[in-house]
Amino acid sequence: DFNNKVYDIFYEIAKKAHEDVQKETEL
């Protein structure tokens, strides 16, 4: 399940980056 694990890692990184952008625009 290597591909699934890599996908999950990239998904979490993208999710965190999106949350950071949302926090910045809310300020």
PDB file of all heavy atoms in Angstrom:
ATOM      1  N   ASP A   1       0.814  -1.216   0.000  1.00  0.00           N
ATOM      2  CA  ASP A   1       0.000   0.000   0.000  1.00  0.00           C
ATOM      3  C   ASP A   1       0.853   1.274   0.000  1.00  0.00           C
ATOM      4  O   ASP A   1       0.435   2.317   0.475  1.00  0.00           O
ATOM      5  CB  ASP A   1      -0.969  -0.008   1.177  1.00  0.00           C
ATOM      6  CG  ASP A   1      -0.263  -0.024   2.517  1.00  0.00           C
ATOM      7  OD1 ASP A   1       0.946  -0.357   2.550  1.00  0.00           O
ATOM      8  OD2 ASP A   1      -0.903   0.309   3.526  1.00  0.00           O
ATOM      9  N   PHE A   2       2.052   1.186  -0.575  1.00  0.00           N
ATOM     10  CA  PHE A   2       2.976   2.320  -0.618  1.00  0.00           C
ATOM     11  C   PHE A   2       2.338   3.547  -1.273  1.00  0.00           C
ATOM     12  O   PHE A   2       2.429   4.658  -0.760  1.00  0.00           O
ATOM     13  CB  PHE A   2       4.250   1.926  -1.362  1.00  0.00           C
ATOM     14  CG  PHE A   2       5.231   3.054  -1.537  1.00  0.00           C
ATOM     15  CD1 PHE A   2       6.010   3.463  -0.469  1.00  0.00           C
ATOM     16  CD2 PHE A   2       5.354   3.711  -2.756  1.00  0.00           C
ATOM     17  CE1 PHE A   2       6.911   4.504  -0.615  1.00  0.00           C
ATOM     18  CE2 PHE A   2       6.255   4.745  -2.908  1.00  0.00           C
ATOM     19  CZ  PHE A   2       7.032   5.147  -1.835  1.00  0.00           C
ATOM     20  N   ASN A   3       1.688   3.370  -2.416  1.00  0.00           N
ATOM     21  CA  ASN A   3       1.062   4.496  -3.121  1.00  0.00           C
ATOM     22  C   ASN A   3       0.004   5.175  -2.260  1.00  0.00           C
ATOM     23  O   ASN A   3      -0.118   6.405  -2.259  1.00  0.00           O
ATOM     24  CB  ASN A   3       0.459   4.047  -4.451  1.00  0.00           C
ATOM     25  CG  ASN A   3       1.518   3.726  -5.473  1.00  0.00           C
ATOM     26  OD1 ASN A   3       2.662   4.167  -5.353  1.00  0.00           O
ATOM     27  ND2 ASN A   3       1.154   2.936  -6.477  1.00  0.00           N
ATOM     28  N   ASN A   4      -0.758   4.394  -1.526  1.00  0.00           N
ATOM     29  CA  ASN A   4      -1.781   4.974  -0.650  1.00  0.00           C
ATOM     30  C   ASN A   4      -1.154   5.798   0.471  1.00  0.00           C
ATOM     31  O   ASN A   4      -1.655   6.859   0.823  1.00  0.00           O
ATOM     32  CB  ASN A   4      -2.671   3.875  -0.058  1.00  0.00           C
ATOM     33  CG  ASN A   4      -3.551   3.229  -1.105  1.00  0.00           C
ATOM     34  OD1 ASN A   4      -3.848   3.827  -2.141  1.00  0.00           O
ATOM     35  ND2 ASN A   4      -3.955   1.999  -0.851  1.00  0.00           N
ATOM     36  N   LYS A   5      -0.051   5.310   1.019  1.00  0.00           N
ATOM     37  CA  LYS A   5       0.626   6.038   2.089  1.00  0.00           C
ATOM     38  C   LYS A   5       1.199   7.358   1.576  1.00  0.00           C
ATOM     39  O   LYS A   5       1.094   8.389   2.230  1.00  0.00           O
ATOM     40  CB  LYS A   5       1.732   5.185   2.709  1.00  0.00           C
ATOM     41  CG  LYS A   5       1.215   4.047   3.551  1.00  0.00           C
ATOM     42  CD  LYS A   5       2.340   3.238   4.155  1.00  0.00           C
ATOM     43  CE  LYS A   5       1.803   2.096   4.984  1.00  0.00           C
ATOM     44  NZ  LYS A   5       2.878   1.302   5.576  1.00  0.00           N
ATOM     45  N   VAL A   6       1.806   7.338   0.384  1.00  0.00           N
ATOM     46  CA  VAL A   6       2.345   8.560  -0.207  1.00  0.00           C
ATOM     47  C   VAL A   6       1.208   9.548  -0.480  1.00  0.00           C
ATOM     48  O   VAL A   6       1.320  10.732  -0.186  1.00  0.00           O
ATOM     49  CB  VAL A   6       3.124   8.254  -1.506  1.00  0.00           C
ATOM     50  CG1 VAL A   6       3.493   9.529  -2.248  1.00  0.00           C
ATOM     51  CG2 VAL A   6       4.373   7.450  -1.177  1.00  0.00           C
ATOM     52  N   TYR A   7       0.096   9.068  -1.008  1.00  0.00           N
ATOM     53  CA  TYR A   7      -1.063   9.919  -1.260  1.00  0.00           C
ATOM     54  C   TYR A   7      -1.542  10.563   0.039  1.00  0.00           C
ATOM     55  O   TYR A   7      -1.815  11.761   0.082  1.00  0.00           O
ATOM     56  CB  TYR A   7      -2.197   9.113  -1.897  1.00  0.00           C
ATOM     57  CG  TYR A   7      -3.460   9.904  -2.059  1.00  0.00           C
ATOM     58  CD1 TYR A   7      -3.642  10.744  -3.153  1.00  0.00           C
ATOM     59  CD2 TYR A   7      -4.479   9.841  -1.101  1.00  0.00           C
ATOM     60  CE1 TYR A   7      -4.797  11.495  -3.292  1.00  0.00           C
ATOM     61  CE2 TYR A   7      -5.630  10.587  -1.228  1.00  0.00           C
ATOM     62  CZ  TYR A   7      -5.790  11.409  -2.330  1.00  0.00           C
ATOM     63  OH  TYR A   7      -6.925  12.153  -2.453  1.00  0.00           O
ATOM     64  N   ASP A   8      -1.639   9.770   1.097  1.00  0.00           N
ATOM     65  CA  ASP A   8      -2.107  10.293   2.388  1.00  0.00           C
ATOM     66  C   ASP A   8      -1.176  11.384   2.913  1.00  0.00           C
ATOM     67  O   ASP A   8      -1.634  12.388   3.455  1.00  0.00           O
ATOM     68  CB  ASP A   8      -2.223   9.164   3.422  1.00  0.00           C
ATOM     69  CG  ASP A   8      -3.363   8.206   3.113  1.00  0.00           C
ATOM     70  OD1 ASP A   8      -4.240   8.557   2.298  1.00  0.00           O
ATOM     71  OD2 ASP A   8      -3.362   7.091   3.686  1.00  0.00           O
ATOM     72  N   ILE A   9       0.127  11.194   2.753  1.00  0.00           N
ATOM     73  CA  ILE A   9       1.092  12.199   3.209  1.00  0.00           C
ATOM     74  C   ILE A   9       0.907  13.498   2.441  1.00  0.00           C
ATOM     75  O   ILE A   9       0.815  14.578   3.027  1.00  0.00           O
ATOM     76  CB  ILE A   9       2.537  11.670   3.065  1.00  0.00           C
ATOM     77  CG1 ILE A   9       2.791  10.550   4.071  1.00  0.00           C
ATOM     78  CG2 ILE A   9       3.546  12.801   3.230  1.00  0.00           C
ATOM     79  CD1 ILE A   9       4.076   9.784   3.829  1.00  0.00           C
ATOM     80  N   PHE A  10       0.828  13.414   1.119  1.00  0.00           N
ATOM     81  CA  PHE A  10       0.640  14.622   0.311  1.00  0.00           C
ATOM     82  C   PHE A  10      -0.715  15.276   0.580  1.00  0.00           C
ATOM     83  O   PHE A  10      -0.835  16.493   0.581  1.00  0.00           O
ATOM     84  CB  PHE A  10       0.812  14.320  -1.180  1.00  0.00           C
ATOM     85  CG  PHE A  10       2.251  14.229  -1.594  1.00  0.00           C
ATOM     86  CD1 PHE A  10       2.816  13.024  -1.955  1.00  0.00           C
ATOM     87  CD2 PHE A  10       3.051  15.363  -1.604  1.00  0.00           C
ATOM     88  CE1 PHE A  10       4.140  12.940  -2.325  1.00  0.00           C
ATOM     89  CE2 PHE A  10       4.381  15.292  -1.968  1.00  0.00           C
ATOM     90  CZ  PHE A  10       4.923  14.074  -2.334  1.00  0.00           C
ATOM     91  N   TYR A  11      -1.722  14.469   0.812  1.00  0.00           N
ATOM     92  CA  TYR A  11      -3.047  15.010   1.127  1.00  0.00           C
ATOM     93  C   TYR A  11      -2.995  15.823   2.419  1.00  0.00           C
ATOM     94  O   TYR A  11      -3.544  16.927   2.485  1.00  0.00           O
ATOM     95  CB  TYR A  11      -4.069  13.879   1.241  1.00  0.00           C
ATOM     96  CG  TYR A  11      -5.440  14.373   1.602  1.00  0.00           C
ATOM     97  CD1 TYR A  11      -6.283  14.899   0.630  1.00  0.00           C
ATOM     98  CD2 TYR A  11      -5.893  14.337   2.922  1.00  0.00           C
ATOM     99  CE1 TYR A  11      -7.541  15.371   0.953  1.00  0.00           C
ATOM    100  CE2 TYR A  11      -7.145  14.805   3.260  1.00  0.00           C
ATOM    101  CZ  TYR A  11      -7.969  15.318   2.277  1.00  0.00           C
ATOM    102  OH  TYR A  11      -9.216  15.801   2.605  1.00  0.00           O
ATOM    103  N   GLU A  12      -2.338  15.305   3.442  1.00  0.00           N
ATOM    104  CA  GLU A  12      -2.227  16.017   4.718  1.00  0.00           C
ATOM    105  C   GLU A  12      -1.440  17.324   4.560  1.00  0.00           C
ATOM    106  O   GLU A  12      -1.782  18.340   5.160  1.00  0.00           O
ATOM    107  CB  GLU A  12      -1.593  15.129   5.790  1.00  0.00           C
ATOM    108  CG  GLU A  12      -2.503  14.029   6.277  1.00  0.00           C
ATOM    109  CD  GLU A  12      -3.799  14.552   6.884  1.00  0.00           C
ATOM    110  OE1 GLU A  12      -3.770  15.539   7.648  1.00  0.00           O
ATOM    111  OE2 GLU A  12      -4.855  13.975   6.580  1.00  0.00           O
ATOM    112  N   ILE A  13      -0.387  17.302   3.763  1.00  0.00           N
ATOM    113  CA  ILE A  13       0.391  18.519   3.519  1.00  0.00           C
ATOM    114  C   ILE A  13      -0.469  19.564   2.824  1.00  0.00           C
ATOM    115  O   ILE A  13      -0.487  20.736   3.213  1.00  0.00           O
ATOM    116  CB  ILE A  13       1.662  18.191   2.687  1.00  0.00           C
ATOM    117  CG1 ILE A  13       2.632  17.359   3.516  1.00  0.00           C
ATOM    118  CG2 ILE A  13       2.318  19.476   2.183  1.00  0.00           C
ATOM    119  CD1 ILE A  13       3.781  16.770   2.717  1.00  0.00           C
ATOM    120  N   ALA A  14      -1.198  19.155   1.791  1.00  0.00           N
ATOM    121  CA  ALA A  14      -2.065  20.085   1.060  1.00  0.00           C
ATOM    122  C   ALA A  14      -3.183  20.616   1.949  1.00  0.00           C
ATOM    123  O   ALA A  14      -3.523  21.808   1.904  1.00  0.00           O
ATOM    124  CB  ALA A  14      -2.652  19.403  -0.172  1.00  0.00           C
ATOM    125  N   LYS A  15      -3.737  19.772   2.782  1.00  0.00           N
ATOM    126  CA  LYS A  15      -4.805  20.183   3.699  1.00  0.00           C
ATOM    127  C   LYS A  15      -4.293  21.236   4.689  1.00  0.00           C
ATOM    128  O   LYS A  15      -4.948  22.251   4.922  1.00  0.00           O
ATOM    129  CB  LYS A  15      -5.327  18.950   4.450  1.00  0.00           C
ATOM    130  CG  LYS A  15      -6.459  19.224   5.397  1.00  0.00           C
ATOM    131  CD  LYS A  15      -6.917  17.919   6.044  1.00  0.00           C
ATOM    132  CE  LYS A  15      -7.886  18.177   7.163  1.00  0.00           C
ATOM    133  NZ  LYS A  15      -8.259  16.947   7.868  1.00  0.00           N
ATOM    134  N   LYS A  16      -3.097  21.013   5.233  1.00  0.00           N
ATOM    135  CA  LYS A  16      -2.507  21.965   6.180  1.00  0.00           C
ATOM    136  C   LYS A  16      -2.208  23.297   5.493  1.00  0.00           C
ATOM    137  O   LYS A  16      -2.464  24.367   6.055  1.00  0.00           O
ATOM    138  CB  LYS A  16      -1.221  21.365   6.779  1.00  0.00           C
ATOM    139  CG  LYS A  16      -0.488  22.287   7.720  1.00  0.00           C
ATOM    140  CD  LYS A  16      -1.248  22.495   9.004  1.00  0.00           C
ATOM    141  CE  LYS A  16      -0.402  23.281   9.970  1.00  0.00           C
ATOM    142  NZ  LYS A  16      -1.067  24.419  10.535  1.00  0.00           N
ATOM    143  N   ALA A  17      -1.685  23.245   4.273  1.00  0.00           N
ATOM    144  CA  ALA A  17      -1.403  24.480   3.537  1.00  0.00           C
ATOM    145  C   ALA A  17      -2.695  25.254   3.274  1.00  0.00           C
ATOM    146  O   ALA A  17      -2.735  26.478   3.408  1.00  0.00           O
ATOM    147  CB  ALA A  17      -0.697  24.157   2.223  1.00  0.00           C
ATOM    148  N   HIS A  18      -3.755  24.557   2.922  1.00  0.00           N
ATOM    149  CA  HIS A  18      -5.051  25.207   2.681  1.00  0.00           C
ATOM    150  C   HIS A  18      -5.576  25.844   3.965  1.00  0.00           C
ATOM    151  O   HIS A  18      -6.084  26.972   3.939  1.00  0.00           O
ATOM    152  CB  HIS A  18      -6.046  24.182   2.134  1.00  0.00           C
ATOM    153  CG  HIS A  18      -7.388  24.746   1.845  1.00  0.00           C
ATOM    154  ND1 HIS A  18      -7.623  25.613   0.807  1.00  0.00           N
ATOM    155  CD2 HIS A  18      -8.581  24.592   2.480  1.00  0.00           C
ATOM    156  CE1 HIS A  18      -8.890  25.957   0.805  1.00  0.00           C
ATOM    157  NE2 HIS A  18      -9.489  25.346   1.816  1.00  0.00           N
ATOM    158  N   GLU A  19      -5.450  25.157   5.085  1.00  0.00           N
ATOM    159  CA  GLU A  19      -5.890  25.711   6.370  1.00  0.00           C
ATOM    160  C   GLU A  19      -5.095  26.958   6.724  1.00  0.00           C
ATOM    161  O   GLU A  19      -5.652  27.942   7.224  1.00  0.00           O
ATOM    162  CB  GLU A  19      -5.744  24.662   7.473  1.00  0.00           C
ATOM    163  CG  GLU A  19      -6.735  23.532   7.373  1.00  0.00           C
ATOM    164  CD  GLU A  19      -6.439  22.391   8.336  1.00  0.00           C
ATOM    165  OE1 GLU A  19      -5.432  22.471   9.087  1.00  0.00           O
ATOM    166  OE2 GLU A  19      -7.204  21.409   8.326  1.00  0.00           O
ATOM    167  N   ASP A  20      -3.783  26.950   6.446  1.00  0.00           N
ATOM    168  CA  ASP A  20      -2.950  28.123   6.728  1.00  0.00           C
ATOM    169  C   ASP A  20      -3.384  29.325   5.897  1.00  0.00           C
ATOM    170  O   ASP A  20      -3.426  30.448   6.394  1.00  0.00           O
ATOM    171  CB  ASP A  20      -1.469  27.819   6.474  1.00  0.00           C
ATOM    172  CG  ASP A  20      -0.879  26.898   7.518  1.00  0.00           C
ATOM    173  OD1 ASP A  20      -1.518  26.676   8.570  1.00  0.00           O
ATOM    174  OD2 ASP A  20       0.229  26.387   7.287  1.00  0.00           O
ATOM    175  N   VAL A  21      -3.695  29.096   4.633  1.00  0.00           N
ATOM    176  CA  VAL A  21      -4.153  30.189   3.765  1.00  0.00           C
ATOM    177  C   VAL A  21      -5.488  30.732   4.269  1.00  0.00           C
ATOM    178  O   VAL A  21      -5.699  31.944   4.304  1.00  0.00           O
ATOM    179  CB  VAL A  21      -4.258  29.718   2.297  1.00  0.00           C
ATOM    180  CG1 VAL A  21      -4.990  30.735   1.431  1.00  0.00           C
ATOM    181  CG2 VAL A  21      -2.874  29.449   1.735  1.00  0.00           C
ATOM    182  N   GLN A  22      -6.387  29.852   4.679  1.00  0.00           N
ATOM    183  CA  GLN A  22      -7.678  30.299   5.203  1.00  0.00           C
ATOM    184  C   GLN A  22      -7.492  31.138   6.468  1.00  0.00           C
ATOM    185  O   GLN A  22      -8.146  32.161   6.636  1.00  0.00           O
ATOM    186  CB  GLN A  22      -8.586  29.111   5.510  1.00  0.00           C
ATOM    187  CG  GLN A  22      -9.234  28.529   4.287  1.00  0.00           C
ATOM    188  CD  GLN A  22     -10.182  27.406   4.641  1.00  0.00           C
ATOM    189  OE1 GLN A  22      -9.911  26.605   5.546  1.00  0.00           O
ATOM    190  NE2 GLN A  22     -11.285  27.331   3.934  1.00  0.00           N
ATOM    191  N   LYS A  23      -6.602  30.708   7.360  1.00  0.00           N
ATOM    192  CA  LYS A  23      -6.347  31.468   8.583  1.00  0.00           C
ATOM    193  C   LYS A  23      -5.814  32.854   8.256  1.00  0.00           C
ATOM    194  O   LYS A  23      -6.187  33.842   8.876  1.00  0.00           O
ATOM    195  CB  LYS A  23      -5.351  30.730   9.481  1.00  0.00           C
ATOM    196  CG  LYS A  23      -5.919  29.528  10.173  1.00  0.00           C
ATOM    197  CD  LYS A  23      -4.850  28.843  11.009  1.00  0.00           C
ATOM    198  CE  LYS A  23      -5.333  27.529  11.549  1.00  0.00           C
ATOM    199  NZ  LYS A  23      -4.273  26.809  12.257  1.00  0.00           N
ATOM    200  N   GLU A  24      -4.922  32.919   7.255  1.00  0.00           N
ATOM    201  CA  GLU A  24      -4.345  34.207   6.874  1.00  0.00           C
ATOM    202  C   GLU A  24      -5.409  35.151   6.336  1.00  0.00           C
ATOM    203  O   GLU A  24      -5.411  36.333   6.660  1.00  0.00           O
ATOM    204  CB  GLU A  24      -3.260  33.992   5.821  1.00  0.00           C
ATOM    205  CG  GLU A  24      -2.575  35.263   5.400  1.00  0.00           C
ATOM    206  CD  GLU A  24      -1.549  35.033   4.323  1.00  0.00           C
ATOM    207  OE1 GLU A  24      -0.805  34.048   4.399  1.00  0.00           O
ATOM    208  OE2 GLU A  24      -1.494  35.862   3.406  1.00  0.00           O
ATOM    209  N   THR A  25      -6.335  34.639   5.541  1.00  0.00           N
ATOM    210  CA  THR A  25      -7.363  35.512   4.968  1.00  0.00           C
ATOM    211  C   THR A  25      -8.406  35.919   6.008  1.00  0.00           C
ATOM    212  O   THR A  25      -9.087  36.925   5.825  1.00  0.00           O
ATOM    213  CB  THR A  25      -8.058  34.850   3.758  1.00  0.00           C
ATOM    214  OG1 THR A  25      -8.637  33.615   4.165  1.00  0.00           O
ATOM    215  CG2 THR A  25      -7.087  34.610   2.627  1.00  0.00           C
ATOM    216  N   GLU A  26      -8.549  35.167   7.088  1.00  0.00           N
ATOM    217  CA  GLU A  26      -9.503  35.507   8.134  1.00  0.00           C
ATOM    218  C   GLU A  26      -8.994  36.618   9.052  1.00  0.00           C
ATOM    219  O   GLU A  26      -9.778  37.255   9.740  1.00  0.00           O
ATOM    220  CB  GLU A  26      -9.835  34.269   8.969  1.00  0.00           C
ATOM    221  CG  GLU A  26     -10.638  33.229   8.202  1.00  0.00           C
ATOM    222  CD  GLU A  26     -10.813  31.928   8.965  1.00  0.00           C
ATOM    223  OE1 GLU A  26     -10.298  31.827  10.106  1.00  0.00           O
ATOM    224  OE2 GLU A  26     -11.437  31.023   8.421  1.00  0.00           O
ATOM    225  N   LEU A  27      -7.700  36.864   9.061  1.00  0.00           N
ATOM    226  CA  LEU A  27      -7.149  37.917   9.915  1.00  0.00           C
ATOM    227  C   LEU A  27      -7.547  39.284   9.381  1.00  0.00           C
ATOM    228  O   LEU A  27      -7.648  39.475   8.168  1.00  0.00           O
ATOM    229  CB  LEU A  27      -5.618  37.823   9.948  1.00  0.00           C
ATOM    230  CG  LEU A  27      -5.009  36.650  10.692  1.00  0.00           C
ATOM    231  CD1 LEU A  27      -3.509  36.616  10.470  1.00  0.00           C
ATOM    232  CD2 LEU A  27      -5.319  36.733  12.167  1.00  0.00           C
TER     233      LEU A  27
END
